[in-house]
Amino acid sequence: MTVMRQTPEQTEAPGPIPREFAAIMRPELPSLLKEMAAEIVAAIPEYGHLLEGPNSRVIKIGIEQSIATFVDRVAAPTATTSLRDDLCRRFGRFEAYEGRSLDNLQAAYRIGCQVALRRVRTVGRRYNLSASFMLTFADALFAYMGDLAELSREGYVQALAELGEEPDNRRRRLLRRILGGTAVARSALAELAEHAAWPLPEEITMVAVAFGTRPARTALDRDVLQDFADPEPHLLIPGPFTEERRASLTAALGGCRAAVGLTTALGEAADSLRWARHTLALASSGVVGGSGAAGRAGVSGGAGAVGGSGAVDGASDDDSLILSEDHLLPLWLLGDPALADQMARKYLGPLVGLTPAQRTRLIDTLRIWLTTRGTAGQVADQLGVHPQTVRYRMRILDRAFGDQLAHPDDRFATEIALRALHLRQYGEDGSPTA
């Protein structure tokens, strides 16, 4: 919605509304504001988080000021609107910095108007106001809403300019076309990139950002493409992920959880993003570093661990940033959970008839033996049992699996199934996952 707004000098009072009407409406404002906020949140759930977050005070003041200014100008047509104007522009700037369009904000203005009209109808019946007055009030209110929308659009456009973006979101459209893959002609991408003033790179690195978190967009490098309007927010970093990029991204994230995909050719950006999102999901479940896994590094293996210190490769002091390249094996083994389940059914099927405790002990023994090809004594050391116990279990496994462990391909598939199962249960560091 685009509404031409008059300058303060050109704007007249909102129609021939009697000034006495302001005195009628002022007692209604506190409950009216609560009703507006409730209906806006019900229609736009995302705004519910804003009204509870760190910016809630400014947002509530902005809503109050917008309504109070309308009533004030009924009582005093020359009343200043400077505070209201500044707050409306801030609303627009905030939407731009959050990577959203103005659709939600404009919808909120419309809902606010509808709630106000409904309240005025109630008040009108109480005071026996005329139908012509109600029409005049409605016209004035919708004109006022247009004024608020235009002020917010001014702030939005200004913020986009500061972010190096265009009002028509050229860079976001470019990013979405890049993620379309090889089906998008490079000439078409080059044209879009030129319009967005963004040099087209040969290689890129995608970053997946956790849902519901917002990095400081102004702190991101200017050549980083962003899409925070997507349900799964993400970034595109031109070129490889260097230490300089890591430092700047970590600073911009400010503790927000994110995962960095592998560096690929421009036409394979969708693969990089897919890997980044999968890494983020594995981190959230505790399979790879992050979500507490880094903090668990160094925990002894115990039954079910594969020895070693349990340290997570690639873990850093700040585990909010996870790199896919540090976790390639889990990415591969757990890339298709449904297929991993099918492999477990097929290759671990000989153990199905056992009790859960028996199955767990034999799976741990078989996994360590296949991984290490160690002697009974070496396997026993890792399991913390007597070597004779390992020999007894291996005889059971020989009878259960038969030739499966002698055939190279079947033995390899069995090991993959065991490793995938272990990762899902214990993660990279040997501690139970979420």
Foldseek 3Di string as FASTA:
>chain_A
DADDADDLVPDWQLFPAALVVLVVCPVVLVVLLVVLVVVLCVVPVVVVCVCVDPCVVLVSVLSSLLVNVSSVCSNPVNDDCVVNLVSLLVLLLVCLQLQHACVSVLVSLVSSLVSVLVVVVVSCVVVVPDPVSSVSVSSSSVSSSSNSSNSSVVSNQVNCVLLLAHNVRLLQVLVVLLLVFPVRDVVVSCVSCVVSVADDAFKKKKKWFDAPAHFRSSLQPSNKRWHSVDRTTMIIGHDACDPVNVVSVVNRRVLTAMEIFGMDTSRCRNVRVLLRVVVSVLQCQLQAQHPCVQVCFQPAQEALRLGDRLHQFPADPRSSYHYSVSPVLLCVLCVPVVVLVVLCCVLVVLCVPDDPVLSSNLLSLLLNCLVPVDQLVVSCVSHVHDSVVSVVSVVVVCVSRPCLCVDVVSVVSNNSSSVNVSSQQQHSRNHGTD
